[in-house]
Amino acid sequence: MALRIIATGGTFDKHYDEIAGKLTFAASHLPQVIECARITTEIALEELPLLDSLDMQDIDRRRVLASCTHAKEEAIVIIHGTDTMRETAAVLGAATLDKTIVVTGAMIPYAIANSDALFNFGFACGIAQALPPGVYVAMNGKIFAWDKVTKNRTAGVFEPL
C-alpha cells in the first residue's frame, strides 16, 4: 500500500530563526523525517504552502481537500498545525472520500529537542495503513474520529470531545 504525505506546515515544520528569535517556515523537515523514520512503504510527499494553522483560510482547506481528492493513494497523512487541525479535518470529513485520512502535527517543532513530531508522524503513518476509510486525528498516541476530538490547550494534548 502506498502512502501520501501532505505537508501543510504547523509547528511540526517550523524552524528556529536565531537572528530574529522566532519560529518561522523554511523548507519542510519531512524529507528528513521520512528518512529518519525508515518507513519502507512507498511514499509520495506533497508539499502545500507551509502555514501556521491559525493563518489557514477556507481556500487553504479547499486546497488540502483537493489534494486528498486527487491523490491516487488510499492512505493519506496530513501534517497540520494543531490549533485548527479539527477545522480542516471537518472539511475532509464532510467530503466523505473513500480514503483513510489521518491528520497529525506536533506541539514542539521537529527541529527542537524533545519534539513529539517524529513519534506522531510514525504513529499516523502506521494507523493510516490499518484504519478503515474515514478521517481521523492522531496525536499523543491516540486516534480520534475527526468530529470527536478537541485540543486541551492547558494540558497541551488532544482529548475526546
N, C-alpha and C. Protein backbone atom coordinates (compact mmCIF):
# COMPACT_ATOMS: atom_id res chain seq x y z
N MET A 1 0.85 -1.19 0.00
CA MET A 1 0.00 0.00 0.00
C MET A 1 0.89 1.24 0.00
N ALA A 2 0.62 2.14 -0.90
CA ALA A 2 1.35 3.41 -0.96
C ALA A 2 0.71 4.40 0.01
N LEU A 3 1.50 5.33 0.44
CA LEU A 3 1.07 6.32 1.42
C LEU A 3 1.39 7.72 0.90
N ARG A 4 0.40 8.60 0.93
CA ARG A 4 0.64 10.00 0.55
C ARG A 4 0.79 10.81 1.83
N ILE A 5 1.84 11.64 1.88
CA ILE A 5 2.07 12.56 2.99
C ILE A 5 1.86 13.97 2.43
N ILE A 6 0.97 14.73 3.06
CA ILE A 6 0.71 16.10 2.63
C ILE A 6 1.18 17.04 3.73
N ALA A 7 2.12 17.89 3.40
CA ALA A 7 2.65 18.87 4.35
C ALA A 7 1.91 20.19 4.21
N THR A 8 1.37 20.69 5.32
CA THR A 8 0.71 22.00 5.29
C THR A 8 1.38 22.99 6.23
N GLY A 9 2.37 22.53 6.99
CA GLY A 9 3.07 23.43 7.90
C GLY A 9 2.80 23.11 9.34
N GLY A 10 2.40 24.12 10.11
CA GLY A 10 2.17 23.94 11.53
C GLY A 10 3.48 23.91 12.31
N THR A 11 3.36 23.79 13.60
CA THR A 11 4.54 23.76 14.47
C THR A 11 5.51 22.67 14.04
N PHE A 12 5.00 21.53 13.59
CA PHE A 12 5.82 20.41 13.13
C PHE A 12 6.96 20.88 12.24
N ASP A 13 6.65 21.73 11.28
CA ASP A 13 7.62 22.12 10.25
C ASP A 13 8.29 23.47 10.49
N LYS A 14 8.17 24.02 11.66
CA LYS A 14 8.80 25.31 11.92
C LYS A 14 10.29 25.17 12.22
N HIS A 15 11.02 26.21 11.86
CA HIS A 15 12.46 26.31 12.11
C HIS A 15 12.67 27.46 13.08
N TYR A 16 13.70 27.35 13.89
CA TYR A 16 14.01 28.46 14.79
C TYR A 16 14.98 29.40 14.09
N ASP A 17 14.58 30.65 13.94
CA ASP A 17 15.44 31.69 13.35
C ASP A 17 16.17 32.37 14.50
N GLU A 18 17.45 32.01 14.67
CA GLU A 18 18.21 32.53 15.81
C GLU A 18 18.50 34.02 15.71
N ILE A 19 18.48 34.56 14.51
CA ILE A 19 18.70 36.01 14.35
C ILE A 19 17.46 36.79 14.84
N ALA A 20 16.30 36.37 14.36
CA ALA A 20 15.06 37.06 14.75
C ALA A 20 14.51 36.56 16.08
N GLY A 21 14.99 35.38 16.52
CA GLY A 21 14.48 34.81 17.76
C GLY A 21 13.04 34.35 17.65
N LYS A 22 12.64 33.87 16.43
CA LYS A 22 11.27 33.46 16.19
C LYS A 22 11.24 32.11 15.47
N LEU A 23 10.10 31.45 15.58
CA LEU A 23 9.86 30.25 14.79
C LEU A 23 9.28 30.69 13.44
N THR A 24 9.87 30.19 12.36
CA THR A 24 9.45 30.56 11.01
C THR A 24 9.40 29.31 10.14
N PHE A 25 8.98 29.49 8.90
CA PHE A 25 8.99 28.39 7.94
C PHE A 25 10.13 28.56 6.95
N ALA A 26 10.74 27.45 6.60
CA ALA A 26 11.72 27.36 5.53
C ALA A 26 11.31 26.11 4.75
N ALA A 27 12.25 25.31 4.34
CA ALA A 27 11.91 24.05 3.66
C ALA A 27 11.32 23.08 4.69
N SER A 28 10.43 22.21 4.22
CA SER A 28 9.82 21.23 5.10
C SER A 28 10.86 20.27 5.67
N HIS A 29 10.66 19.86 6.89
CA HIS A 29 11.51 18.85 7.53
C HIS A 29 11.15 17.44 7.06
N LEU A 30 10.04 17.29 6.34
CA LEU A 30 9.52 15.95 6.06
C LEU A 30 10.46 15.02 5.29
N PRO A 31 11.25 15.48 4.31
CA PRO A 31 12.19 14.53 3.70
C PRO A 31 13.12 13.90 4.74
N GLN A 32 13.62 14.70 5.67
CA GLN A 32 14.50 14.19 6.73
C GLN A 32 13.71 13.29 7.69
N VAL A 33 12.50 13.67 8.03
CA VAL A 33 11.66 12.89 8.94
C VAL A 33 11.37 11.52 8.33
N ILE A 34 11.02 11.49 7.06
CA ILE A 34 10.73 10.22 6.38
C ILE A 34 11.96 9.33 6.39
N GLU A 35 13.11 9.90 6.09
CA GLU A 35 14.36 9.13 6.12
C GLU A 35 14.66 8.61 7.53
N CYS A 36 14.51 9.45 8.52
CA CYS A 36 14.78 9.08 9.90
C CYS A 36 13.83 7.99 10.39
N ALA A 37 12.58 8.04 9.96
CA ALA A 37 11.58 7.07 10.39
C ALA A 37 11.80 5.69 9.75
N ARG A 38 12.59 5.66 8.67
CA ARG A 38 12.92 4.39 7.98
C ARG A 38 11.66 3.62 7.54
N ILE A 39 10.69 4.35 7.06
CA ILE A 39 9.46 3.74 6.58
C ILE A 39 9.75 3.03 5.26
N THR A 40 9.33 1.79 5.16
CA THR A 40 9.60 1.02 3.94
C THR A 40 8.43 1.05 2.96
N THR A 41 7.32 1.60 3.37
CA THR A 41 6.17 1.75 2.48
C THR A 41 6.50 2.81 1.42
N GLU A 42 5.98 2.63 0.23
CA GLU A 42 6.15 3.64 -0.82
C GLU A 42 5.45 4.92 -0.39
N ILE A 43 6.18 6.04 -0.47
CA ILE A 43 5.64 7.32 -0.01
C ILE A 43 5.68 8.36 -1.13
N ALA A 44 4.57 9.08 -1.27
CA ALA A 44 4.52 10.25 -2.15
C ALA A 44 4.37 11.46 -1.23
N LEU A 45 5.33 12.37 -1.29
CA LEU A 45 5.31 13.57 -0.46
C LEU A 45 4.81 14.74 -1.29
N GLU A 46 3.80 15.42 -0.77
CA GLU A 46 3.24 16.60 -1.42
C GLU A 46 3.34 17.77 -0.45
N GLU A 47 3.99 18.82 -0.87
CA GLU A 47 4.18 19.98 -0.01
C GLU A 47 3.28 21.13 -0.49
N LEU A 48 2.29 21.46 0.32
CA LEU A 48 1.45 22.61 0.06
C LEU A 48 2.12 23.82 0.71
N PRO A 49 1.61 25.03 0.49
CA PRO A 49 2.21 26.17 1.18
C PRO A 49 2.22 25.92 2.70
N LEU A 50 3.39 26.11 3.32
CA LEU A 50 3.54 25.86 4.74
C LEU A 50 3.01 27.06 5.52
N LEU A 51 2.01 26.80 6.38
CA LEU A 51 1.34 27.85 7.12
C LEU A 51 1.21 27.48 8.59
N ASP A 52 1.18 28.48 9.44
CA ASP A 52 0.73 28.27 10.80
C ASP A 52 -0.77 28.02 10.68
N SER A 53 -1.29 27.06 11.41
CA SER A 53 -2.72 26.73 11.22
C SER A 53 -3.64 27.88 11.59
N LEU A 54 -3.19 28.78 12.44
CA LEU A 54 -4.01 29.96 12.76
C LEU A 54 -4.15 30.89 11.55
N ASP A 55 -3.24 30.75 10.58
CA ASP A 55 -3.30 31.56 9.36
C ASP A 55 -4.06 30.87 8.23
N MET A 56 -4.49 29.63 8.44
CA MET A 56 -5.21 28.90 7.40
C MET A 56 -6.59 29.51 7.17
N GLN A 57 -6.93 29.63 5.91
CA GLN A 57 -8.23 30.16 5.48
C GLN A 57 -9.00 29.06 4.77
N ASP A 58 -10.25 29.33 4.43
CA ASP A 58 -11.07 28.35 3.72
C ASP A 58 -10.40 27.89 2.43
N ILE A 59 -9.77 28.80 1.71
CA ILE A 59 -9.10 28.43 0.45
C ILE A 59 -7.98 27.41 0.70
N ASP A 60 -7.29 27.54 1.83
CA ASP A 60 -6.22 26.59 2.16
C ASP A 60 -6.81 25.21 2.47
N ARG A 61 -7.92 25.19 3.16
CA ARG A 61 -8.58 23.92 3.48
C ARG A 61 -9.12 23.26 2.21
N ARG A 62 -9.62 24.07 1.29
CA ARG A 62 -10.07 23.52 0.00
C ARG A 62 -8.90 22.94 -0.78
N ARG A 63 -7.72 23.56 -0.65
CA ARG A 63 -6.51 23.04 -1.32
C ARG A 63 -6.15 21.67 -0.74
N VAL A 64 -6.25 21.53 0.57
CA VAL A 64 -5.97 20.23 1.21
C VAL A 64 -6.99 19.19 0.73
N LEU A 65 -8.25 19.57 0.69
CA LEU A 65 -9.29 18.66 0.21
C LEU A 65 -9.03 18.25 -1.24
N ALA A 66 -8.66 19.19 -2.09
CA ALA A 66 -8.37 18.86 -3.49
C ALA A 66 -7.21 17.89 -3.59
N SER A 67 -6.18 18.08 -2.78
CA SER A 67 -5.04 17.15 -2.80
C SER A 67 -5.48 15.75 -2.41
N CYS A 68 -6.32 15.65 -1.39
CA CYS A 68 -6.81 14.34 -0.96
C CYS A 68 -7.71 13.71 -2.02
N THR A 69 -8.57 14.52 -2.62
CA THR A 69 -9.49 14.03 -3.63
C THR A 69 -8.74 13.47 -4.84
N HIS A 70 -7.69 14.16 -5.27
CA HIS A 70 -6.97 13.76 -6.47
C HIS A 70 -5.85 12.76 -6.21
N ALA A 71 -5.56 12.47 -4.96
CA ALA A 71 -4.49 11.50 -4.64
C ALA A 71 -4.88 10.11 -5.11
N LYS A 72 -3.94 9.42 -5.73
CA LYS A 72 -4.22 8.04 -6.14
C LYS A 72 -4.10 7.09 -4.95
N GLU A 73 -3.39 7.53 -3.91
CA GLU A 73 -3.22 6.69 -2.73
C GLU A 73 -4.51 6.68 -1.90
N GLU A 74 -4.79 5.56 -1.26
CA GLU A 74 -5.97 5.45 -0.41
C GLU A 74 -5.67 5.75 1.05
N ALA A 75 -4.38 5.82 1.41
CA ALA A 75 -3.97 6.16 2.77
C ALA A 75 -3.20 7.48 2.71
N ILE A 76 -3.66 8.46 3.49
CA ILE A 76 -3.09 9.81 3.45
C ILE A 76 -2.82 10.29 4.87
N VAL A 77 -1.63 10.87 5.06
CA VAL A 77 -1.29 11.53 6.33
C VAL A 77 -1.09 13.00 6.03
N ILE A 78 -1.76 13.85 6.79
CA ILE A 78 -1.64 15.29 6.63
C ILE A 78 -0.92 15.86 7.84
N ILE A 79 0.19 16.54 7.60
CA ILE A 79 0.90 17.25 8.66
C ILE A 79 0.29 18.64 8.75
N HIS A 80 -0.20 18.99 9.93
CA HIS A 80 -1.03 20.19 10.08
C HIS A 80 -0.73 20.83 11.42
N GLY A 81 -0.95 22.12 11.52
CA GLY A 81 -0.85 22.80 12.81
C GLY A 81 -1.95 22.34 13.74
N THR A 82 -1.64 22.30 15.04
CA THR A 82 -2.59 21.73 16.00
C THR A 82 -3.75 22.66 16.35
N ASP A 83 -3.59 23.95 16.16
CA ASP A 83 -4.64 24.88 16.58
C ASP A 83 -5.93 24.74 15.78
N THR A 84 -5.83 24.42 14.50
CA THR A 84 -7.04 24.33 13.68
C THR A 84 -7.13 23.03 12.88
N MET A 85 -6.42 22.00 13.34
CA MET A 85 -6.49 20.73 12.59
C MET A 85 -7.91 20.16 12.59
N ARG A 86 -8.65 20.39 13.65
CA ARG A 86 -10.02 19.90 13.69
C ARG A 86 -10.88 20.56 12.61
N GLU A 87 -10.67 21.83 12.34
CA GLU A 87 -11.43 22.53 11.30
C GLU A 87 -11.14 21.96 9.92
N THR A 88 -9.86 21.69 9.66
CA THR A 88 -9.50 21.08 8.37
C THR A 88 -10.05 19.67 8.30
N ALA A 89 -9.95 18.91 9.38
CA ALA A 89 -10.49 17.55 9.41
C ALA A 89 -12.01 17.56 9.16
N ALA A 90 -12.70 18.60 9.63
CA ALA A 90 -14.14 18.70 9.40
C ALA A 90 -14.46 18.87 7.92
N VAL A 91 -13.67 19.66 7.22
CA VAL A 91 -13.85 19.83 5.78
C VAL A 91 -13.64 18.49 5.07
N LEU A 92 -12.62 17.77 5.47
CA LEU A 92 -12.33 16.46 4.87
C LEU A 92 -13.42 15.45 5.23
N GLY A 93 -13.85 15.47 6.48
CA GLY A 93 -14.87 14.54 6.92
C GLY A 93 -16.19 14.73 6.19
N ALA A 94 -16.55 15.99 5.95
CA ALA A 94 -17.80 16.29 5.25
C ALA A 94 -17.76 15.82 3.80
N ALA A 95 -16.57 15.69 3.24
CA ALA A 95 -16.43 15.27 1.84
C ALA A 95 -16.66 13.78 1.65
N THR A 96 -16.62 13.01 2.72
CA THR A 96 -16.81 11.55 2.70
C THR A 96 -16.06 10.86 1.55
N LEU A 97 -14.77 11.10 1.49
CA LEU A 97 -13.93 10.42 0.49
C LEU A 97 -13.74 8.97 0.91
N ASP A 98 -13.56 8.09 -0.05
CA ASP A 98 -13.34 6.68 0.25
C ASP A 98 -11.84 6.43 0.46
N LYS A 99 -11.27 7.16 1.42
CA LYS A 99 -9.85 7.07 1.72
C LYS A 99 -9.67 7.14 3.22
N THR A 100 -8.54 6.67 3.69
CA THR A 100 -8.20 6.81 5.10
C THR A 100 -7.28 8.02 5.22
N ILE A 101 -7.76 9.03 5.92
CA ILE A 101 -7.02 10.29 6.06
C ILE A 101 -6.74 10.51 7.54
N VAL A 102 -5.46 10.66 7.86
CA VAL A 102 -5.05 10.87 9.25
C VAL A 102 -4.35 12.22 9.33
N VAL A 103 -4.87 13.10 10.18
CA VAL A 103 -4.30 14.42 10.38
C VAL A 103 -3.48 14.38 11.67
N THR A 104 -2.25 14.85 11.60
CA THR A 104 -1.38 14.88 12.77
C THR A 104 -0.52 16.13 12.75
N GLY A 105 0.20 16.35 13.80
CA GLY A 105 1.06 17.51 13.89
C GLY A 105 2.01 17.34 15.07
N ALA A 106 2.43 18.46 15.63
CA ALA A 106 3.35 18.42 16.76
C ALA A 106 3.13 19.63 17.65
N MET A 107 3.36 19.44 18.92
CA MET A 107 3.30 20.55 19.87
C MET A 107 4.64 21.27 19.95
N ILE A 108 5.71 20.55 19.60
CA ILE A 108 7.08 21.09 19.60
C ILE A 108 7.66 20.83 18.21
N PRO A 109 8.28 21.83 17.55
CA PRO A 109 8.83 21.62 16.21
C PRO A 109 9.80 20.44 16.13
N TYR A 110 9.78 19.77 15.00
CA TYR A 110 10.67 18.63 14.76
C TYR A 110 12.12 18.96 15.07
N ALA A 111 12.55 20.16 14.71
CA ALA A 111 13.96 20.54 14.84
C ALA A 111 14.39 20.88 16.27
N ILE A 112 13.46 20.87 17.20
CA ILE A 112 13.79 21.22 18.59
C ILE A 112 13.80 19.95 19.44
N ALA A 113 14.74 19.89 20.37
CA ALA A 113 14.89 18.71 21.23
C ALA A 113 13.57 18.37 21.93
N ASN A 114 13.37 17.07 22.11
CA ASN A 114 12.19 16.52 22.79
C ASN A 114 10.88 16.78 22.05
N SER A 115 10.96 16.95 20.74
CA SER A 115 9.76 17.13 19.94
C SER A 115 8.95 15.84 19.88
N ASP A 116 7.66 15.99 19.79
CA ASP A 116 6.76 14.86 19.59
C ASP A 116 6.50 14.59 18.10
N ALA A 117 7.15 15.35 17.23
CA ALA A 117 6.87 15.28 15.80
C ALA A 117 7.16 13.90 15.21
N LEU A 118 8.32 13.33 15.46
CA LEU A 118 8.68 12.05 14.86
C LEU A 118 7.74 10.94 15.34
N PHE A 119 7.43 10.92 16.62
CA PHE A 119 6.50 9.91 17.13
C PHE A 119 5.13 10.06 16.48
N ASN A 120 4.58 11.28 16.48
CA ASN A 120 3.26 11.48 15.91
C ASN A 120 3.23 11.11 14.43
N PHE A 121 4.31 11.45 13.72
CA PHE A 121 4.40 11.11 12.29
C PHE A 121 4.37 9.60 12.09
N GLY A 122 5.24 8.88 12.79
CA GLY A 122 5.30 7.43 12.63
C GLY A 122 3.99 6.76 13.01
N PHE A 123 3.41 7.21 14.10
CA PHE A 123 2.13 6.68 14.56
C PHE A 123 1.06 6.89 13.50
N ALA A 124 0.98 8.10 12.96
CA ALA A 124 -0.02 8.42 11.94
C ALA A 124 0.18 7.58 10.68
N CYS A 125 1.44 7.40 10.26
CA CYS A 125 1.71 6.59 9.07
C CYS A 125 1.28 5.14 9.27
N GLY A 126 1.52 4.61 10.44
CA GLY A 126 1.12 3.23 10.72
C GLY A 126 -0.38 3.05 10.71
N ILE A 127 -1.09 3.92 11.41
CA ILE A 127 -2.54 3.73 11.51
C ILE A 127 -3.26 4.10 10.22
N ALA A 128 -2.66 4.97 9.41
CA ALA A 128 -3.28 5.31 8.12
C ALA A 128 -3.37 4.09 7.22
N GLN A 129 -2.48 3.13 7.43
CA GLN A 129 -2.47 1.91 6.63
C GLN A 129 -3.35 0.81 7.23
N ALA A 130 -3.85 1.02 8.45
CA ALA A 130 -4.60 -0.03 9.12
C ALA A 130 -6.08 0.32 9.35
N LEU A 131 -6.40 1.59 9.45
CA LEU A 131 -7.78 2.00 9.74
C LEU A 131 -8.67 1.92 8.50
N PRO A 132 -9.97 1.76 8.70
CA PRO A 132 -10.90 1.80 7.56
C PRO A 132 -11.01 3.23 7.03
N PRO A 133 -11.57 3.40 5.83
CA PRO A 133 -11.75 4.76 5.29
C PRO A 133 -12.47 5.66 6.28
N GLY A 134 -12.03 6.90 6.32
CA GLY A 134 -12.59 7.89 7.22
C GLY A 134 -11.53 8.95 7.49
N VAL A 135 -11.87 9.92 8.32
CA VAL A 135 -10.95 10.99 8.67
C VAL A 135 -10.70 10.93 10.17
N TYR A 136 -9.43 10.94 10.53
CA TYR A 136 -9.02 10.78 11.92
C TYR A 136 -7.99 11.84 12.29
N VAL A 137 -7.88 12.09 13.58
CA VAL A 137 -6.81 12.90 14.15
C VAL A 137 -5.99 11.97 15.01
N ALA A 138 -4.68 11.99 14.82
CA ALA A 138 -3.77 11.14 15.59
C ALA A 138 -2.75 12.02 16.30
N MET A 139 -2.88 12.07 17.61
CA MET A 139 -1.96 12.87 18.42
C MET A 139 -1.76 12.17 19.76
N ASN A 140 -0.57 12.31 20.31
CA ASN A 140 -0.29 11.82 21.66
C ASN A 140 -0.52 10.32 21.80
N GLY A 141 -0.32 9.57 20.72
CA GLY A 141 -0.50 8.12 20.77
C GLY A 141 -1.95 7.68 20.80
N LYS A 142 -2.85 8.57 20.45
CA LYS A 142 -4.27 8.24 20.44
C LYS A 142 -4.87 8.58 19.08
N ILE A 143 -5.95 7.86 18.74
CA ILE A 143 -6.66 8.07 17.49
C ILE A 143 -8.06 8.59 17.84
N PHE A 144 -8.47 9.63 17.13
CA PHE A 144 -9.79 10.22 17.36
C PHE A 144 -10.52 10.35 16.03
N ALA A 145 -11.82 10.15 16.04
CA ALA A 145 -12.64 10.49 14.88
C ALA A 145 -12.59 12.01 14.74
N TRP A 146 -12.61 12.51 13.52
CA TRP A 146 -12.44 13.93 13.25
C TRP A 146 -13.44 14.81 14.00
N ASP A 147 -14.62 14.29 14.26
CA ASP A 147 -15.66 15.10 14.90
C ASP A 147 -15.82 14.80 16.39
N LYS A 148 -14.86 14.07 16.95
CA LYS A 148 -14.94 13.70 18.36
C LYS A 148 -13.63 14.00 19.09
N VAL A 149 -13.00 15.11 18.74
CA VAL A 149 -11.71 15.45 19.33
C VAL A 149 -11.63 16.95 19.61
N THR A 150 -10.87 17.28 20.64
CA THR A 150 -10.61 18.67 20.96
C THR A 150 -9.18 18.80 21.49
N LYS A 151 -8.62 19.97 21.32
CA LYS A 151 -7.29 20.24 21.84
C LYS A 151 -7.44 20.87 23.22
N ASN A 152 -6.84 20.23 24.22
CA ASN A 152 -6.80 20.78 25.57
C ASN A 152 -5.58 21.69 25.61
N ARG A 153 -5.80 22.97 25.47
CA ARG A 153 -4.70 23.93 25.39
C ARG A 153 -3.95 24.06 26.72
N THR A 154 -4.60 23.81 27.81
CA THR A 154 -3.95 23.89 29.11
C THR A 154 -2.96 22.75 29.30
N ALA A 155 -3.40 21.52 28.97
CA ALA A 155 -2.55 20.34 29.14
C ALA A 155 -1.63 20.10 27.93
N GLY A 156 -1.95 20.71 26.79
CA GLY A 156 -1.16 20.51 25.59
C GLY A 156 -1.31 19.14 24.98
N VAL A 157 -2.54 18.58 25.07
CA VAL A 157 -2.82 17.26 24.49
C VAL A 157 -4.19 17.29 23.81
N PHE A 158 -4.45 16.25 23.02
CA PHE A 158 -5.75 16.10 22.39
C PHE A 158 -6.57 15.10 23.20
N GLU A 159 -7.88 15.37 23.26
CA GLU A 159 -8.77 14.56 24.09
C GLU A 159 -10.06 14.30 23.34
N PRO A 160 -10.81 13.28 23.79
CA PRO A 160 -12.13 13.05 23.18
C PRO A 160 -13.05 14.23 23.47
N LEU A 161 -13.90 14.52 22.54
CA LEU A 161 -14.87 15.61 22.70
C LEU A 161 -16.10 15.10 23.43
